[in-house]
Amino acid sequence: MPKGDLPKTRRGRARREQILRAAEEVFGEAGFAAASISEITRRAETAQGTLYIYFKSKEEIFRELVVEMGHLTRTVVTRALDPGATRLEAERAGLAAFLHFVAERPALYRIVEEARFVDPAAYRDYFTTFAKAYEARLKKAQADGEVRPGDAEVRAWALMGMAKALGERYALWGDPAEIDGVVDEAFALVREGLAP
């Protein structure tokens, strides 16, 4: 939702957030097709009519959650990075932050994965936005001599693909206690492949 369209009152913003958190649970558990507006409003402890003040449809709520996952993930990863870190240090810290975030918010991660079928444009935008920023950071690291020369776009997508697969396998299907060991092993692979 564009910033100008957000509710003006604190109470309105809180209600909208309550609806989104309930929808995150319902979509994450049941999937888009099986999720119902009535279940979302039941969990949000709000009337259906109130939901429609904030969102036009189930699809709009779903899309909002995909966009939110993108913003939250970028925020979590950025906060985990030391401003003075090298690109390789940033790779390790970013991967760790991402996997821990997925373990903490598995429903939101599942929503993004389901967007491939429910809202392909939102799914594509989610990953393309990440890839463009990632590519720029890798190009800068190459220019600074922190990583060996190569195709930054391909590397960005490859690194994102690795994080995505590790998130599914270890943060969703595995024991979140294993994440730090997974990060160490994956980072060893990245370091050997990216070191100048």
N, C-alpha and C. Protein backbone atom coordinates (compact mmCIF):
# COMPACT_ATOMS: atom_id res chain seq x y z
N MET A 1 0.85 -1.18 0.00
CA MET A 1 0.00 0.00 0.00
C MET A 1 0.89 1.23 0.00
N PRO A 2 0.67 2.17 -0.92
CA PRO A 2 1.46 3.40 -0.92
C PRO A 2 1.33 4.13 0.40
N LYS A 3 2.41 4.80 0.82
CA LYS A 3 2.42 5.47 2.12
C LYS A 3 1.24 6.41 2.29
N GLY A 4 0.81 7.11 1.24
CA GLY A 4 -0.30 8.04 1.34
C GLY A 4 -1.62 7.35 1.63
N ASP A 5 -1.71 6.03 1.32
CA ASP A 5 -2.95 5.30 1.53
C ASP A 5 -3.03 4.61 2.89
N LEU A 6 -1.96 4.66 3.66
CA LEU A 6 -1.97 4.03 4.98
C LEU A 6 -2.95 4.76 5.89
N PRO A 7 -3.56 4.04 6.83
CA PRO A 7 -4.50 4.70 7.74
C PRO A 7 -3.83 5.87 8.46
N LYS A 8 -4.60 6.89 8.70
CA LYS A 8 -4.09 8.12 9.31
C LYS A 8 -3.94 8.00 10.83
N THR A 9 -4.77 7.17 11.45
CA THR A 9 -4.74 7.07 12.90
C THR A 9 -3.90 5.88 13.36
N ARG A 10 -3.41 5.99 14.57
CA ARG A 10 -2.64 4.89 15.17
C ARG A 10 -3.53 3.65 15.27
N ARG A 11 -4.76 3.86 15.63
CA ARG A 11 -5.69 2.73 15.77
C ARG A 11 -5.91 2.05 14.41
N GLY A 12 -6.05 2.83 13.35
CA GLY A 12 -6.23 2.28 12.02
C GLY A 12 -5.01 1.50 11.56
N ARG A 13 -3.83 2.05 11.83
CA ARG A 13 -2.59 1.36 11.45
C ARG A 13 -2.45 0.06 12.24
N ALA A 14 -2.84 0.08 13.51
CA ALA A 14 -2.76 -1.12 14.35
C ALA A 14 -3.74 -2.19 13.84
N ARG A 15 -4.94 -1.77 13.45
CA ARG A 15 -5.94 -2.73 12.94
C ARG A 15 -5.46 -3.36 11.64
N ARG A 16 -4.91 -2.54 10.76
CA ARG A 16 -4.39 -3.04 9.49
C ARG A 16 -3.27 -4.06 9.73
N GLU A 17 -2.39 -3.73 10.66
CA GLU A 17 -1.28 -4.64 11.01
C GLU A 17 -1.82 -5.94 11.59
N GLN A 18 -2.86 -5.85 12.40
CA GLN A 18 -3.50 -7.04 13.00
C GLN A 18 -4.05 -7.95 11.90
N ILE A 19 -4.66 -7.36 10.91
CA ILE A 19 -5.20 -8.13 9.77
C ILE A 19 -4.05 -8.80 9.01
N LEU A 20 -2.98 -8.07 8.76
CA LEU A 20 -1.84 -8.65 8.04
C LEU A 20 -1.21 -9.81 8.81
N ARG A 21 -1.07 -9.68 10.13
CA ARG A 21 -0.47 -10.76 10.91
C ARG A 21 -1.38 -12.00 10.90
N ALA A 22 -2.68 -11.78 10.98
CA ALA A 22 -3.61 -12.91 10.90
C ALA A 22 -3.53 -13.56 9.53
N ALA A 23 -3.48 -12.75 8.48
CA ALA A 23 -3.38 -13.29 7.11
C ALA A 23 -2.08 -14.05 6.92
N GLU A 24 -1.00 -13.55 7.49
CA GLU A 24 0.28 -14.26 7.41
C GLU A 24 0.15 -15.67 7.99
N GLU A 25 -0.49 -15.77 9.13
CA GLU A 25 -0.71 -17.09 9.74
C GLU A 25 -1.57 -17.98 8.85
N VAL A 26 -2.69 -17.45 8.40
CA VAL A 26 -3.66 -18.26 7.64
C VAL A 26 -3.06 -18.69 6.30
N PHE A 27 -2.48 -17.76 5.54
CA PHE A 27 -1.86 -18.12 4.27
C PHE A 27 -0.70 -19.08 4.47
N GLY A 28 0.10 -18.83 5.51
CA GLY A 28 1.25 -19.69 5.79
C GLY A 28 0.87 -21.10 6.15
N GLU A 29 -0.26 -21.26 6.84
CA GLU A 29 -0.72 -22.58 7.26
C GLU A 29 -1.53 -23.29 6.18
N ALA A 30 -2.47 -22.57 5.58
CA ALA A 30 -3.44 -23.21 4.69
C ALA A 30 -3.10 -23.06 3.22
N GLY A 31 -2.28 -22.06 2.88
CA GLY A 31 -2.05 -21.74 1.48
C GLY A 31 -3.12 -20.79 0.98
N PHE A 32 -2.82 -20.15 -0.13
CA PHE A 32 -3.73 -19.12 -0.64
C PHE A 32 -5.11 -19.66 -0.97
N ALA A 33 -5.19 -20.75 -1.72
CA ALA A 33 -6.48 -21.27 -2.19
C ALA A 33 -7.41 -21.64 -1.03
N ALA A 34 -6.85 -22.27 0.00
CA ALA A 34 -7.68 -22.73 1.12
C ALA A 34 -7.93 -21.63 2.16
N ALA A 35 -7.16 -20.58 2.12
CA ALA A 35 -7.35 -19.49 3.09
C ALA A 35 -8.65 -18.75 2.79
N SER A 36 -9.34 -18.36 3.84
CA SER A 36 -10.60 -17.64 3.65
C SER A 36 -10.55 -16.30 4.39
N ILE A 37 -11.29 -15.36 3.84
CA ILE A 37 -11.41 -14.05 4.49
C ILE A 37 -12.02 -14.23 5.88
N SER A 38 -12.97 -15.14 6.00
CA SER A 38 -13.61 -15.33 7.31
C SER A 38 -12.61 -15.84 8.35
N GLU A 39 -11.68 -16.71 7.95
CA GLU A 39 -10.67 -17.19 8.91
C GLU A 39 -9.69 -16.08 9.24
N ILE A 40 -9.32 -15.28 8.27
CA ILE A 40 -8.42 -14.16 8.53
C ILE A 40 -9.07 -13.19 9.51
N THR A 41 -10.33 -12.84 9.28
CA THR A 41 -10.99 -11.88 10.17
C THR A 41 -11.23 -12.49 11.56
N ARG A 42 -11.49 -13.80 11.61
CA ARG A 42 -11.65 -14.45 12.92
C ARG A 42 -10.36 -14.33 13.73
N ARG A 43 -9.24 -14.63 13.10
CA ARG A 43 -7.96 -14.56 13.81
C ARG A 43 -7.55 -13.12 14.12
N ALA A 44 -7.96 -12.21 13.27
CA ALA A 44 -7.64 -10.79 13.50
C ALA A 44 -8.61 -10.16 14.50
N GLU A 45 -9.64 -10.93 14.87
CA GLU A 45 -10.67 -10.45 15.79
C GLU A 45 -11.27 -9.14 15.29
N THR A 46 -11.68 -9.20 14.02
CA THR A 46 -12.28 -8.03 13.39
C THR A 46 -13.41 -8.47 12.47
N ALA A 47 -14.28 -7.57 12.11
CA ALA A 47 -15.39 -7.88 11.22
C ALA A 47 -14.91 -7.90 9.77
N GLN A 48 -15.61 -8.67 8.93
CA GLN A 48 -15.24 -8.72 7.51
C GLN A 48 -15.34 -7.34 6.86
N GLY A 49 -16.33 -6.60 7.23
CA GLY A 49 -16.48 -5.25 6.67
C GLY A 49 -15.29 -4.37 7.01
N THR A 50 -14.75 -4.55 8.20
CA THR A 50 -13.57 -3.77 8.61
C THR A 50 -12.37 -4.14 7.75
N LEU A 51 -12.21 -5.43 7.47
CA LEU A 51 -11.10 -5.86 6.62
C LEU A 51 -11.15 -5.13 5.28
N TYR A 52 -12.35 -5.00 4.71
CA TYR A 52 -12.48 -4.38 3.40
C TYR A 52 -12.26 -2.87 3.41
N ILE A 53 -12.17 -2.27 4.58
CA ILE A 53 -11.77 -0.87 4.67
C ILE A 53 -10.29 -0.74 4.30
N TYR A 54 -9.52 -1.76 4.66
CA TYR A 54 -8.07 -1.73 4.48
C TYR A 54 -7.58 -2.45 3.22
N PHE A 55 -8.31 -3.47 2.80
CA PHE A 55 -7.90 -4.27 1.65
C PHE A 55 -9.10 -4.56 0.77
N LYS A 56 -8.89 -4.55 -0.55
CA LYS A 56 -9.98 -4.80 -1.49
C LYS A 56 -10.28 -6.28 -1.67
N SER A 57 -9.26 -7.14 -1.44
CA SER A 57 -9.44 -8.56 -1.73
C SER A 57 -8.39 -9.40 -1.00
N LYS A 58 -8.62 -10.69 -1.04
CA LYS A 58 -7.65 -11.65 -0.51
C LYS A 58 -6.34 -11.54 -1.29
N GLU A 59 -6.44 -11.33 -2.59
CA GLU A 59 -5.26 -11.20 -3.44
C GLU A 59 -4.41 -9.99 -3.03
N GLU A 60 -5.09 -8.90 -2.71
CA GLU A 60 -4.36 -7.69 -2.30
C GLU A 60 -3.61 -7.92 -0.99
N ILE A 61 -4.23 -8.62 -0.06
CA ILE A 61 -3.56 -8.93 1.21
C ILE A 61 -2.34 -9.81 0.94
N PHE A 62 -2.51 -10.82 0.11
CA PHE A 62 -1.42 -11.73 -0.22
C PHE A 62 -0.25 -10.95 -0.83
N ARG A 63 -0.55 -10.11 -1.81
CA ARG A 63 0.48 -9.32 -2.48
C ARG A 63 1.20 -8.42 -1.49
N GLU A 64 0.46 -7.82 -0.58
CA GLU A 64 1.05 -6.96 0.45
C GLU A 64 2.05 -7.75 1.29
N LEU A 65 1.72 -8.99 1.60
CA LEU A 65 2.62 -9.81 2.41
C LEU A 65 3.89 -10.17 1.64
N VAL A 66 3.79 -10.39 0.35
CA VAL A 66 4.98 -10.65 -0.47
C VAL A 66 5.89 -9.42 -0.46
N VAL A 67 5.31 -8.27 -0.66
CA VAL A 67 6.08 -7.02 -0.65
C VAL A 67 6.71 -6.81 0.73
N GLU A 68 5.92 -7.08 1.77
CA GLU A 68 6.41 -6.92 3.14
C GLU A 68 7.60 -7.83 3.41
N MET A 69 7.55 -9.08 2.93
CA MET A 69 8.66 -10.00 3.12
C MET A 69 9.93 -9.42 2.49
N GLY A 70 9.79 -8.82 1.32
CA GLY A 70 10.95 -8.21 0.68
C GLY A 70 11.54 -7.10 1.52
N HIS A 71 10.68 -6.21 2.01
CA HIS A 71 11.16 -5.09 2.85
C HIS A 71 11.80 -5.60 4.14
N LEU A 72 11.12 -6.53 4.79
CA LEU A 72 11.63 -7.05 6.06
C LEU A 72 12.96 -7.77 5.88
N THR A 73 13.07 -8.56 4.83
CA THR A 73 14.30 -9.31 4.60
C THR A 73 15.46 -8.35 4.34
N ARG A 74 15.23 -7.36 3.50
CA ARG A 74 16.30 -6.38 3.23
C ARG A 74 16.69 -5.65 4.52
N THR A 75 15.71 -5.31 5.34
CA THR A 75 15.99 -4.62 6.60
C THR A 75 16.81 -5.51 7.54
N VAL A 76 16.38 -6.76 7.69
CA VAL A 76 17.07 -7.70 8.59
C VAL A 76 18.51 -7.91 8.12
N VAL A 77 18.70 -8.12 6.84
CA VAL A 77 20.04 -8.36 6.32
C VAL A 77 20.91 -7.11 6.46
N THR A 78 20.36 -5.95 6.13
CA THR A 78 21.13 -4.70 6.24
C THR A 78 21.56 -4.45 7.67
N ARG A 79 20.69 -4.69 8.61
CA ARG A 79 21.03 -4.46 10.03
C ARG A 79 22.12 -5.41 10.51
N ALA A 80 22.20 -6.57 9.90
CA ALA A 80 23.20 -7.56 10.30
C ALA A 80 24.59 -7.24 9.78
N LEU A 81 24.68 -6.33 8.82
CA LEU A 81 25.96 -6.04 8.19
C LEU A 81 26.71 -4.94 8.90
N ASP A 82 27.97 -5.17 9.13
CA ASP A 82 28.86 -4.15 9.66
C ASP A 82 29.20 -3.22 8.50
N PRO A 83 29.00 -1.91 8.66
CA PRO A 83 29.27 -0.99 7.55
C PRO A 83 30.69 -1.10 6.99
N GLY A 84 31.64 -1.50 7.81
CA GLY A 84 33.02 -1.61 7.36
C GLY A 84 33.39 -3.01 6.87
N ALA A 85 32.40 -3.88 6.77
CA ALA A 85 32.68 -5.27 6.39
C ALA A 85 33.09 -5.37 4.92
N THR A 86 33.93 -6.35 4.64
CA THR A 86 34.26 -6.66 3.26
C THR A 86 33.07 -7.38 2.64
N ARG A 87 33.08 -7.54 1.33
CA ARG A 87 31.99 -8.24 0.64
C ARG A 87 31.87 -9.68 1.15
N LEU A 88 32.99 -10.35 1.37
CA LEU A 88 32.93 -11.73 1.87
C LEU A 88 32.35 -11.78 3.28
N GLU A 89 32.73 -10.85 4.13
CA GLU A 89 32.15 -10.80 5.48
C GLU A 89 30.65 -10.52 5.40
N ALA A 90 30.29 -9.63 4.48
CA ALA A 90 28.87 -9.31 4.30
C ALA A 90 28.09 -10.52 3.80
N GLU A 91 28.69 -11.33 2.94
CA GLU A 91 28.01 -12.54 2.45
C GLU A 91 27.67 -13.47 3.62
N ARG A 92 28.63 -13.68 4.50
CA ARG A 92 28.39 -14.59 5.63
C ARG A 92 27.32 -14.02 6.57
N ALA A 93 27.47 -12.76 6.94
CA ALA A 93 26.51 -12.14 7.87
C ALA A 93 25.11 -12.08 7.25
N GLY A 94 25.03 -11.77 5.97
CA GLY A 94 23.73 -11.69 5.30
C GLY A 94 23.04 -13.04 5.22
N LEU A 95 23.80 -14.08 4.90
CA LEU A 95 23.21 -15.42 4.83
C LEU A 95 22.70 -15.86 6.20
N ALA A 96 23.49 -15.62 7.23
CA ALA A 96 23.07 -15.99 8.59
C ALA A 96 21.80 -15.24 8.98
N ALA A 97 21.77 -13.94 8.72
CA ALA A 97 20.59 -13.14 9.07
C ALA A 97 19.36 -13.63 8.31
N PHE A 98 19.52 -13.93 7.03
CA PHE A 98 18.40 -14.40 6.22
C PHE A 98 17.86 -15.73 6.76
N LEU A 99 18.73 -16.69 7.01
CA LEU A 99 18.27 -18.01 7.47
C LEU A 99 17.61 -17.93 8.84
N HIS A 100 18.14 -17.12 9.73
CA HIS A 100 17.50 -16.97 11.05
C HIS A 100 16.14 -16.29 10.91
N PHE A 101 16.03 -15.32 10.01
CA PHE A 101 14.76 -14.64 9.78
C PHE A 101 13.72 -15.62 9.24
N VAL A 102 14.11 -16.46 8.28
CA VAL A 102 13.18 -17.45 7.72
C VAL A 102 12.72 -18.40 8.83
N ALA A 103 13.62 -18.81 9.71
CA ALA A 103 13.24 -19.70 10.80
C ALA A 103 12.26 -19.04 11.76
N GLU A 104 12.39 -17.71 11.93
CA GLU A 104 11.48 -16.98 12.82
C GLU A 104 10.14 -16.67 12.18
N ARG A 105 10.10 -16.51 10.85
CA ARG A 105 8.87 -16.13 10.14
C ARG A 105 8.58 -17.10 9.00
N PRO A 106 8.44 -18.40 9.29
CA PRO A 106 8.27 -19.38 8.21
C PRO A 106 7.02 -19.15 7.36
N ALA A 107 5.95 -18.65 7.95
CA ALA A 107 4.73 -18.44 7.17
C ALA A 107 4.95 -17.41 6.07
N LEU A 108 5.67 -16.35 6.40
CA LEU A 108 5.94 -15.31 5.41
C LEU A 108 6.80 -15.87 4.27
N TYR A 109 7.76 -16.71 4.60
CA TYR A 109 8.60 -17.33 3.58
C TYR A 109 7.76 -18.23 2.66
N ARG A 110 6.86 -18.99 3.26
CA ARG A 110 5.98 -19.86 2.46
C ARG A 110 5.08 -19.05 1.53
N ILE A 111 4.64 -17.90 1.99
CA ILE A 111 3.81 -17.02 1.16
C ILE A 111 4.59 -16.58 -0.07
N VAL A 112 5.83 -16.18 0.12
CA VAL A 112 6.64 -15.76 -1.03
C VAL A 112 6.80 -16.92 -2.01
N GLU A 113 7.04 -18.11 -1.50
CA GLU A 113 7.20 -19.27 -2.38
C GLU A 113 5.90 -19.56 -3.14
N GLU A 114 4.77 -19.43 -2.48
CA GLU A 114 3.49 -19.68 -3.15
C GLU A 114 3.15 -18.60 -4.17
N ALA A 115 3.73 -17.42 -4.00
CA ALA A 115 3.48 -16.32 -4.94
C ALA A 115 3.88 -16.70 -6.36
N ARG A 116 4.77 -17.64 -6.51
CA ARG A 116 5.17 -18.10 -7.85
C ARG A 116 3.94 -18.50 -8.66
N PHE A 117 2.93 -19.06 -7.98
CA PHE A 117 1.73 -19.53 -8.65
C PHE A 117 0.54 -18.59 -8.48
N VAL A 118 0.47 -17.94 -7.32
CA VAL A 118 -0.67 -17.07 -7.02
C VAL A 118 -0.52 -15.69 -7.66
N ASP A 119 0.67 -15.14 -7.61
CA ASP A 119 0.92 -13.80 -8.15
C ASP A 119 2.31 -13.77 -8.75
N PRO A 120 2.47 -14.36 -9.95
CA PRO A 120 3.80 -14.45 -10.56
C PRO A 120 4.52 -13.11 -10.71
N ALA A 121 3.79 -12.04 -10.95
CA ALA A 121 4.42 -10.72 -11.08
C ALA A 121 5.04 -10.29 -9.76
N ALA A 122 4.35 -10.49 -8.65
CA ALA A 122 4.89 -10.13 -7.33
C ALA A 122 6.10 -11.00 -7.00
N TYR A 123 6.03 -12.27 -7.35
CA TYR A 123 7.15 -13.19 -7.12
C TYR A 123 8.38 -12.73 -7.89
N ARG A 124 8.17 -12.42 -9.15
CA ARG A 124 9.28 -11.98 -10.00
C ARG A 124 9.85 -10.65 -9.49
N ASP A 125 8.99 -9.71 -9.13
CA ASP A 125 9.44 -8.43 -8.59
C ASP A 125 10.25 -8.61 -7.31
N TYR A 126 9.78 -9.51 -6.46
CA TYR A 126 10.47 -9.79 -5.19
C TYR A 126 11.93 -10.16 -5.45
N PHE A 127 12.15 -11.12 -6.33
CA PHE A 127 13.51 -11.59 -6.58
C PHE A 127 14.31 -10.64 -7.46
N THR A 128 13.67 -10.00 -8.41
CA THR A 128 14.37 -9.06 -9.28
C THR A 128 14.89 -7.86 -8.50
N THR A 129 14.11 -7.37 -7.57
CA THR A 129 14.53 -6.25 -6.72
C THR A 129 15.78 -6.62 -5.93
N PHE A 130 15.75 -7.81 -5.32
CA PHE A 130 16.93 -8.28 -4.59
C PHE A 130 18.13 -8.40 -5.52
N ALA A 131 17.91 -9.01 -6.67
CA ALA A 131 19.02 -9.29 -7.59
C ALA A 131 19.71 -8.01 -8.05
N LYS A 132 18.93 -6.98 -8.36
CA LYS A 132 19.53 -5.72 -8.83
C LYS A 132 20.42 -5.10 -7.77
N ALA A 133 19.94 -5.06 -6.53
CA ALA A 133 20.74 -4.49 -5.45
C ALA A 133 21.97 -5.36 -5.18
N TYR A 134 21.79 -6.66 -5.21
CA TYR A 134 22.89 -7.60 -4.97
C TYR A 134 23.95 -7.44 -6.06
N GLU A 135 23.52 -7.36 -7.30
CA GLU A 135 24.44 -7.19 -8.43
C GLU A 135 25.26 -5.92 -8.26
N ALA A 136 24.64 -4.84 -7.84
CA ALA A 136 25.36 -3.57 -7.64
C ALA A 136 26.42 -3.71 -6.56
N ARG A 137 26.08 -4.40 -5.48
CA ARG A 137 27.07 -4.59 -4.40
C ARG A 137 28.24 -5.45 -4.86
N LEU A 138 27.94 -6.48 -5.66
CA LEU A 138 29.01 -7.34 -6.17
C LEU A 138 29.91 -6.59 -7.16
N LYS A 139 29.31 -5.75 -7.99
CA LYS A 139 30.11 -4.94 -8.92
C LYS A 139 31.05 -4.00 -8.15
N LYS A 140 30.52 -3.40 -7.09
CA LYS A 140 31.36 -2.52 -6.27
C LYS A 140 32.50 -3.32 -5.64
N ALA A 141 32.20 -4.51 -5.14
CA ALA A 141 33.23 -5.35 -4.52
C ALA A 141 34.29 -5.73 -5.55
N GLN A 142 33.87 -5.99 -6.78
CA GLN A 142 34.85 -6.28 -7.84
C GLN A 142 35.73 -5.06 -8.09
N ALA A 143 35.12 -3.91 -8.21
CA ALA A 143 35.87 -2.68 -8.48
C ALA A 143 36.86 -2.38 -7.35
N ASP A 144 36.48 -2.75 -6.12
CA ASP A 144 37.34 -2.51 -4.95
C ASP A 144 38.38 -3.62 -4.77
N GLY A 145 38.34 -4.65 -5.62
CA GLY A 145 39.30 -5.75 -5.51
C GLY A 145 38.99 -6.74 -4.41
N GLU A 146 37.74 -6.72 -3.89
CA GLU A 146 37.38 -7.64 -2.79
C GLU A 146 36.96 -9.02 -3.29
N VAL A 147 36.52 -9.10 -4.53
CA VAL A 147 36.17 -10.39 -5.13
C VAL A 147 36.76 -10.42 -6.53
N ARG A 148 37.00 -11.60 -7.03
CA ARG A 148 37.59 -11.71 -8.36
C ARG A 148 36.57 -11.30 -9.42
N PRO A 149 37.04 -10.85 -10.56
CA PRO A 149 36.12 -10.43 -11.62
C PRO A 149 35.23 -11.57 -12.09
N GLY A 150 34.03 -11.21 -12.50
CA GLY A 150 33.07 -12.20 -13.00
C GLY A 150 31.75 -11.51 -13.29
N ASP A 151 30.78 -12.28 -13.71
CA ASP A 151 29.46 -11.76 -14.06
C ASP A 151 28.66 -11.55 -12.78
N ALA A 152 28.53 -10.29 -12.37
CA ALA A 152 27.87 -9.97 -11.11
C ALA A 152 26.39 -10.36 -11.11
N GLU A 153 25.73 -10.26 -12.25
CA GLU A 153 24.32 -10.64 -12.30
C GLU A 153 24.15 -12.14 -12.05
N VAL A 154 24.94 -12.95 -12.73
CA VAL A 154 24.86 -14.40 -12.54
C VAL A 154 25.19 -14.76 -11.11
N ARG A 155 26.21 -14.14 -10.57
CA ARG A 155 26.60 -14.42 -9.18
C ARG A 155 25.48 -14.04 -8.21
N ALA A 156 24.85 -12.89 -8.44
CA ALA A 156 23.76 -12.46 -7.55
C ALA A 156 22.65 -13.50 -7.54
N TRP A 157 22.23 -13.96 -8.72
CA TRP A 157 21.16 -14.95 -8.79
C TRP A 157 21.60 -16.28 -8.19
N ALA A 158 22.86 -16.68 -8.41
CA ALA A 158 23.35 -17.93 -7.85
C ALA A 158 23.38 -17.88 -6.32
N LEU A 159 23.86 -16.77 -5.77
CA LEU A 159 23.91 -16.64 -4.31
C LEU A 159 22.51 -16.58 -3.71
N MET A 160 21.60 -15.89 -4.39
CA MET A 160 20.21 -15.86 -3.92
C MET A 160 19.60 -17.26 -3.98
N GLY A 161 19.88 -17.98 -5.04
CA GLY A 161 19.35 -19.34 -5.17
C GLY A 161 19.85 -20.25 -4.07
N MET A 162 21.11 -20.10 -3.71
CA MET A 162 21.66 -20.89 -2.62
C MET A 162 20.95 -20.55 -1.31
N ALA A 163 20.80 -19.27 -1.03
CA ALA A 163 20.12 -18.85 0.21
C ALA A 163 18.68 -19.35 0.24
N LYS A 164 18.01 -19.27 -0.90
CA LYS A 164 16.61 -19.72 -0.99
C LYS A 164 16.50 -21.21 -0.69
N ALA A 165 17.38 -22.01 -1.31
CA ALA A 165 17.34 -23.46 -1.09
C ALA A 165 17.74 -23.82 0.35
N LEU A 166 18.74 -23.15 0.89
CA LEU A 166 19.14 -23.41 2.27
C LEU A 166 18.03 -23.00 3.24
N GLY A 167 17.34 -21.91 2.93
CA GLY A 167 16.22 -21.47 3.78
C GLY A 167 15.14 -22.53 3.84
N GLU A 168 14.83 -23.09 2.69
CA GLU A 168 13.80 -24.14 2.66
C GLU A 168 14.25 -25.37 3.41
N ARG A 169 15.46 -25.85 3.10
CA ARG A 169 15.93 -27.10 3.68
C ARG A 169 16.19 -27.01 5.19
N TYR A 170 16.86 -25.96 5.62
CA TYR A 170 17.29 -25.91 7.02
C TYR A 170 16.41 -25.04 7.91
N ALA A 171 15.91 -23.92 7.42
CA ALA A 171 15.09 -23.06 8.27
C ALA A 171 13.65 -23.54 8.34
N LEU A 172 13.13 -24.13 7.24
CA LEU A 172 11.75 -24.62 7.25
C LEU A 172 11.65 -26.10 7.58
N TRP A 173 12.46 -26.91 6.96
CA TRP A 173 12.35 -28.36 7.15
C TRP A 173 13.23 -28.91 8.25
N GLY A 174 14.29 -28.19 8.59
CA GLY A 174 15.27 -28.73 9.53
C GLY A 174 15.14 -28.16 10.92
N ASP A 175 16.21 -28.34 11.67
CA ASP A 175 16.29 -27.84 13.03
C ASP A 175 16.97 -26.48 12.99
N PRO A 176 16.27 -25.41 13.37
CA PRO A 176 16.90 -24.08 13.32
C PRO A 176 18.21 -24.00 14.10
N ALA A 177 18.43 -24.91 15.04
CA ALA A 177 19.69 -24.92 15.79
C ALA A 177 20.87 -25.24 14.88
N GLU A 178 20.62 -25.84 13.74
CA GLU A 178 21.68 -26.20 12.79
C GLU A 178 22.12 -25.03 11.92
N ILE A 179 21.40 -23.94 11.95
CA ILE A 179 21.63 -22.85 10.99
C ILE A 179 23.06 -22.33 11.01
N ASP A 180 23.64 -22.12 12.17
CA ASP A 180 24.99 -21.55 12.20
C ASP A 180 26.01 -22.49 11.54
N GLY A 181 25.86 -23.78 11.73
CA GLY A 181 26.74 -24.74 11.06
C GLY A 181 26.53 -24.73 9.55
N VAL A 182 25.28 -24.58 9.14
CA VAL A 182 24.95 -24.51 7.71
C VAL A 182 25.59 -23.26 7.11
N VAL A 183 25.50 -22.16 7.82
CA VAL A 183 26.11 -20.91 7.34
C VAL A 183 27.61 -21.08 7.17
N ASP A 184 28.26 -21.72 8.16
CA ASP A 184 29.71 -21.93 8.06
C ASP A 184 30.06 -22.74 6.81
N GLU A 185 29.32 -23.81 6.58
CA GLU A 185 29.61 -24.67 5.42
C GLU A 185 29.33 -23.95 4.11
N ALA A 186 28.21 -23.27 4.02
CA ALA A 186 27.87 -22.55 2.79
C ALA A 186 28.85 -21.41 2.54
N PHE A 187 29.23 -20.72 3.62
CA PHE A 187 30.16 -19.62 3.45
C PHE A 187 31.53 -20.11 2.98
N ALA A 188 31.96 -21.28 3.44
CA ALA A 188 33.23 -21.83 2.96
C ALA A 188 33.18 -21.99 1.44
N LEU A 189 32.05 -22.43 0.94
CA LEU A 189 31.88 -22.58 -0.52
C LEU A 189 31.92 -21.21 -1.21
N VAL A 190 31.23 -20.24 -0.64
CA VAL A 190 31.21 -18.89 -1.23
C VAL A 190 32.61 -18.29 -1.19
N ARG A 191 33.27 -18.40 -0.06
CA ARG A 191 34.59 -17.79 0.09
C ARG A 191 35.58 -18.35 -0.92
N GLU A 192 35.57 -19.63 -1.12
CA GLU A 192 36.51 -20.23 -2.06
C GLU A 192 36.16 -19.86 -3.51
N GLY A 193 34.89 -19.62 -3.76
CA GLY A 193 34.48 -19.26 -5.12
C GLY A 193 34.60 -17.78 -5.42
N LEU A 194 34.61 -16.93 -4.41
CA LEU A 194 34.63 -15.49 -4.62
C LEU A 194 35.94 -14.81 -4.25
N ALA A 195 36.78 -15.49 -3.53
CA ALA A 195 38.02 -14.85 -3.07
C ALA A 195 38.86 -14.38 -4.26
N PRO A 196 39.46 -13.19 -4.14
CA PRO A 196 40.28 -12.69 -5.27
C PRO A 196 41.50 -13.56 -5.51
